[in-house]
C-alpha atoms as a PDB file:
ATOM      1  CA  MET A   1      -5.266   9.932 -11.238  1.00  0.00           C
ATOM      2  CA  ASN A   2      -5.682  10.675  -7.211  1.00  0.00           C
ATOM      3  CA  TYR A   3      -2.367   9.284  -6.405  1.00  0.00           C
ATOM      4  CA  GLN A   4       1.561   9.979  -7.145  1.00  0.00           C
ATOM      5  CA  ILE A   5       4.192   7.463  -6.840  1.00  0.00           C
ATOM      6  CA  PHE A   6       7.858   8.780  -5.611  1.00  0.00           C
ATOM      7  CA  TRP A   7      10.448   6.300  -6.236  1.00  0.00           C
ATOM      8  CA  GLU A   8      13.315   5.993  -3.647  1.00  0.00           C
ATOM      9  CA  GLU A   9      16.592   4.042  -3.598  1.00  0.00           C
ATOM     10  CA  ARG A  10      14.939   1.102  -1.880  1.00  0.00           C
ATOM     11  CA  GLY A  11      11.512   1.772  -2.367  1.00  0.00           C
ATOM     12  CA  ALA A  12       8.354   3.641  -3.069  1.00  0.00           C
ATOM     13  CA  VAL A  13       6.165   6.081  -1.560  1.00  0.00           C
ATOM     14  CA  ALA A  14       2.589   6.428  -2.817  1.00  0.00           C
ATOM     15  CA  VAL A  15       0.587   9.601  -1.872  1.00  0.00           C
ATOM     16  CA  PHE A  16      -3.201   9.306  -2.281  1.00  0.00           C
ATOM     17  CA  LYS A  17      -5.412  12.413  -2.406  1.00  0.00           C
ATOM     18  CA  GLY A  18      -9.160  13.306  -2.416  1.00  0.00           C
ATOM     19  CA  LYS A  19     -11.967  10.735  -2.988  1.00  0.00           C
ATOM     20  CA  LEU A  20     -10.488   7.440  -4.211  1.00  0.00           C
ATOM     21  CA  ALA A  21     -12.497   5.067  -6.484  1.00  0.00           C
ATOM     22  CA  MET A  22     -11.606   1.483  -7.299  1.00  0.00           C
ATOM     23  CA  SER A  23      -9.891   2.508 -10.534  1.00  0.00           C
ATOM     24  CA  ASP A  24      -7.461   4.416  -8.706  1.00  0.00           C
ATOM     25  CA  LEU A  25      -6.185   1.614  -6.785  1.00  0.00           C
ATOM     26  CA  ILE A  26      -6.053  -0.670  -9.714  1.00  0.00           C
ATOM     27  CA  GLU A  27      -4.240   2.200 -11.893  1.00  0.00           C
ATOM     28  CA  TYR A  28      -1.820   2.507  -8.943  1.00  0.00           C
ATOM     29  CA  GLN A  29      -1.171  -1.212  -8.475  1.00  0.00           C
ATOM     30  CA  LYS A  30      -0.674  -1.449 -12.076  1.00  0.00           C
ATOM     31  CA  GLU A  31       1.754   1.363 -12.323  1.00  0.00           C
ATOM     32  CA  LEU A  32       3.749   0.147  -9.260  1.00  0.00           C
ATOM     33  CA  GLN A  33       3.813  -3.499 -10.026  1.00  0.00           C
ATOM     34  CA  GLY A  34       4.361  -2.884 -13.708  1.00  0.00           C
ATOM     35  CA  ASP A  35       7.901  -0.892 -12.926  1.00  0.00           C
ATOM     36  CA  ASP A  36      11.144  -2.674 -13.549  1.00  0.00           C
ATOM     37  CA  ARG A  37      12.160  -1.321 -10.172  1.00  0.00           C
ATOM     38  CA  TYR A  38       9.308  -3.178  -8.325  1.00  0.00           C
ATOM     39  CA  ASP A  39      11.082  -6.601  -8.143  1.00  0.00           C
ATOM     40  CA  SER A  40      13.831  -4.803  -6.058  1.00  0.00           C
ATOM     41  CA  LEU A  41      11.765  -2.899  -3.739  1.00  0.00           C
ATOM     42  CA  ASP A  42      12.372  -3.251  -0.085  1.00  0.00           C
ATOM     43  CA  TYR A  43       9.376  -1.335   1.044  1.00  0.00           C
ATOM     44  CA  VAL A  44       6.525   0.570   0.016  1.00  0.00           C
ATOM     45  CA  ILE A  45       4.837   3.221   2.034  1.00  0.00           C
ATOM     46  CA  ALA A  46       0.937   4.275   1.019  1.00  0.00           C
ATOM     47  CA  ASP A  47       0.059   7.625   2.452  1.00  0.00           C
ATOM     48  CA  TYR A  48      -3.477   7.855   2.831  1.00  0.00           C
ATOM     49  CA  GLN A  49      -3.468  10.668   4.997  1.00  0.00           C
ATOM     50  CA  GLN A  50      -5.319  13.059   2.512  1.00  0.00           C
ATOM     51  CA  ALA A  51      -7.509  10.396   0.982  1.00  0.00           C
ATOM     52  CA  ASP A  52     -11.251   9.396   1.214  1.00  0.00           C
ATOM     53  CA  THR A  53     -11.607   5.681   0.752  1.00  0.00           C
ATOM     54  CA  THR A  54     -15.313   5.497   1.844  1.00  0.00           C
ATOM     55  CA  GLN A  55     -16.503   5.279  -1.924  1.00  0.00           C
ATOM     56  CA  ILE A  56     -14.551   1.852  -2.447  1.00  0.00           C
ATOM     57  CA  GLU A  57     -16.989  -0.784  -1.663  1.00  0.00           C
ATOM     58  CA  GLN A  58     -15.888  -4.106  -0.046  1.00  0.00           C
ATOM     59  CA  GLN A  59     -16.027  -6.261  -3.356  1.00  0.00           C
ATOM     60  CA  ASP A  60     -13.775  -3.749  -4.924  1.00  0.00           C
ATOM     61  CA  ARG A  61     -11.374  -4.225  -2.029  1.00  0.00           C
ATOM     62  CA  GLU A  62     -11.133  -7.774  -2.610  1.00  0.00           C
ATOM     63  CA  VAL A  63     -10.078  -7.400  -6.234  1.00  0.00           C
ATOM     64  CA  SER A  64      -7.294  -4.857  -4.965  1.00  0.00           C
ATOM     65  CA  LEU A  65      -6.521  -7.576  -2.387  1.00  0.00           C
ATOM     66  CA  GLY A  66      -6.280 -10.135  -4.913  1.00  0.00           C
ATOM     67  CA  LEU A  67      -3.956  -8.107  -6.997  1.00  0.00           C
ATOM     68  CA  THR A  68      -1.625  -7.630  -3.831  1.00  0.00           C
ATOM     69  CA  ILE A  69      -1.556 -11.123  -3.337  1.00  0.00           C
ATOM     70  CA  GLY A  70      -0.861 -12.055  -6.856  1.00  0.00           C
ATOM     71  CA  ALA A  71       2.218  -9.580  -6.810  1.00  0.00           C
ATOM     72  CA  SER A  72       3.596 -10.843  -3.657  1.00  0.00           C
ATOM     73  CA  TYR A  73       4.808 -14.242  -5.456  1.00  0.00           C
ATOM     74  CA  SER A  74       7.182 -12.030  -7.779  1.00  0.00           C
ATOM     75  CA  LEU A  75       8.215 -10.190  -4.505  1.00  0.00           C
ATOM     76  CA  PRO A  76       8.111 -12.503  -1.673  1.00  0.00           C
ATOM     77  CA  SER A  77       9.765 -10.007   0.966  1.00  0.00           C
ATOM     78  CA  LEU A  78       8.379  -6.399   1.220  1.00  0.00           C
ATOM     79  CA  ARG A  79       7.426  -3.951   4.180  1.00  0.00           C
ATOM     80  CA  LEU A  80       4.324  -2.177   3.289  1.00  0.00           C
ATOM     81  CA  ALA A  81       3.465   0.675   5.646  1.00  0.00           C
ATOM     82  CA  ILE A  82      -0.193   2.251   5.403  1.00  0.00           C
ATOM     83  CA  VAL A  83      -0.265   5.721   6.761  1.00  0.00           C
ATOM     84  CA  SER A  84      -3.734   6.772   7.990  1.00  0.00           C
ATOM     85  CA  THR A  85      -5.725   7.953  10.774  1.00  0.00           C
ATOM     86  CA  ASP A  86      -9.118   6.945   8.886  1.00  0.00           C
ATOM     87  CA  SER A  87     -11.234   4.103  10.358  1.00  0.00           C
ATOM     88  CA  ASP A  88     -12.276   3.159   7.076  1.00  0.00           C
ATOM     89  CA  THR A  89      -8.834   2.890   5.660  1.00  0.00           C
ATOM     90  CA  THR A  90      -7.235   1.425   8.728  1.00  0.00           C
ATOM     91  CA  ASN A  91      -9.759  -1.128   9.324  1.00  0.00           C
ATOM     92  CA  PHE A  92      -9.300  -2.482   5.522  1.00  0.00           C
ATOM     93  CA  ALA A  93      -5.605  -2.725   6.235  1.00  0.00           C
ATOM     94  CA  LYS A  94      -6.338  -4.786   9.300  1.00  0.00           C
ATOM     95  CA  TYR A  95      -8.241  -6.843   7.066  1.00  0.00           C
ATOM     96  CA  ARG A  96      -5.388  -7.198   4.591  1.00  0.00           C
ATOM     97  CA  ILE A  97      -2.884  -7.918   7.445  1.00  0.00           C
ATOM     98  CA  ALA A  98      -5.271 -10.677   8.548  1.00  0.00           C
ATOM     99  CA  LYS A  99      -5.266 -12.100   5.003  1.00  0.00           C
ATOM    100  CA  PHE A 100      -1.840 -11.907   4.256  1.00  0.00           C
ATOM    101  CA  LYS A 101      -1.455 -14.537   7.316  1.00  0.00           C
ATOM    102  CA  GLU A 102      -4.192 -16.641   6.186  1.00  0.00           C
ATOM    103  CA  TYR A 103      -2.753 -16.787   2.664  1.00  0.00           C
ATOM    104  CA  GLY A 104       0.866 -17.326   4.031  1.00  0.00           C
ATOM    105  CA  ILE A 105       2.040 -13.892   2.388  1.00  0.00           C
ATOM    106  CA  ASN A 106       5.480 -13.084   3.959  1.00  0.00           C
ATOM    107  CA  TRP A 107       5.148  -9.396   3.614  1.00  0.00           C
ATOM    108  CA  GLU A 108       5.335  -7.408   6.580  1.00  0.00           C
ATOM    109  CA  MET A 109       2.539  -4.837   7.037  1.00  0.00           C
ATOM    110  CA  ARG A 110       1.824  -2.320   9.806  1.00  0.00           C
ATOM    111  CA  ILE A 111      -0.213   0.836   9.863  1.00  0.00           C
ATOM    112  CA  PHE A 112       1.131   4.248  10.864  1.00  0.00           C
ATOM    113  CA  SER A 113      -0.540   7.268  11.911  1.00  0.00           C
ATOM    114  CA  THR A 114       2.461   9.758  10.583  1.00  0.00           C
ATOM    115  CA  LEU A 115       4.815   9.386   7.599  1.00  0.00           C
ATOM    116  CA  THR A 116       7.660   9.992   9.870  1.00  0.00           C
ATOM    117  CA  ASP A 117       6.795   6.820  11.879  1.00  0.00           C
ATOM    118  CA  ALA A 118       6.415   4.892   8.728  1.00  0.00           C
ATOM    119  CA  ARG A 119       9.712   5.882   7.401  1.00  0.00           C
ATOM    120  CA  LYS A 120      11.414   4.794  10.847  1.00  0.00           C
ATOM    121  CA  TRP A 121       9.969   1.198  10.532  1.00  0.00           C
ATOM    122  CA  VAL A 122      10.929   0.791   6.926  1.00  0.00           C
ATOM    123  CA  GLY A 123      14.301   2.174   7.455  1.00  0.00           C
ATOM    124  CA  ALA A 124      14.166   4.853   5.093  1.00  0.00           C
ATOM    125  CA  ALA A 125      15.593   8.268   5.591  1.00  0.00           C
ATOM    126  CA  ALA A 126      13.048  11.141   5.861  1.00  0.00           C
ATOM    127  CA  HIS A 127      12.939  13.217   2.911  1.00  0.00           C
END
């Protein structure tokens, strides 16, 4: 397991580390979306600063995107902050933003280079 989820009052922060495989992303999404607290989240911050996503193939990224789109139906309003400076991760995040718009997903999603900036955007107090 190359991630850890930290639950907060109004949201969750997921910290990813090391080389990520598709199985890590699916496990993370199942854990997050399967928790009773998921349906009341205001935000999720996904911190990829210490992660390597280059081993995840495009077809696998589509599976992850599909899970996210499906989850958006039970949680129609969410702020999703992606924290990364890695071009592979940020390019996939930009692709997801475009797909959210294409499919009419109401989630707000932005990319940040620091956890501090992501926390400011979601309105969470720094921890």
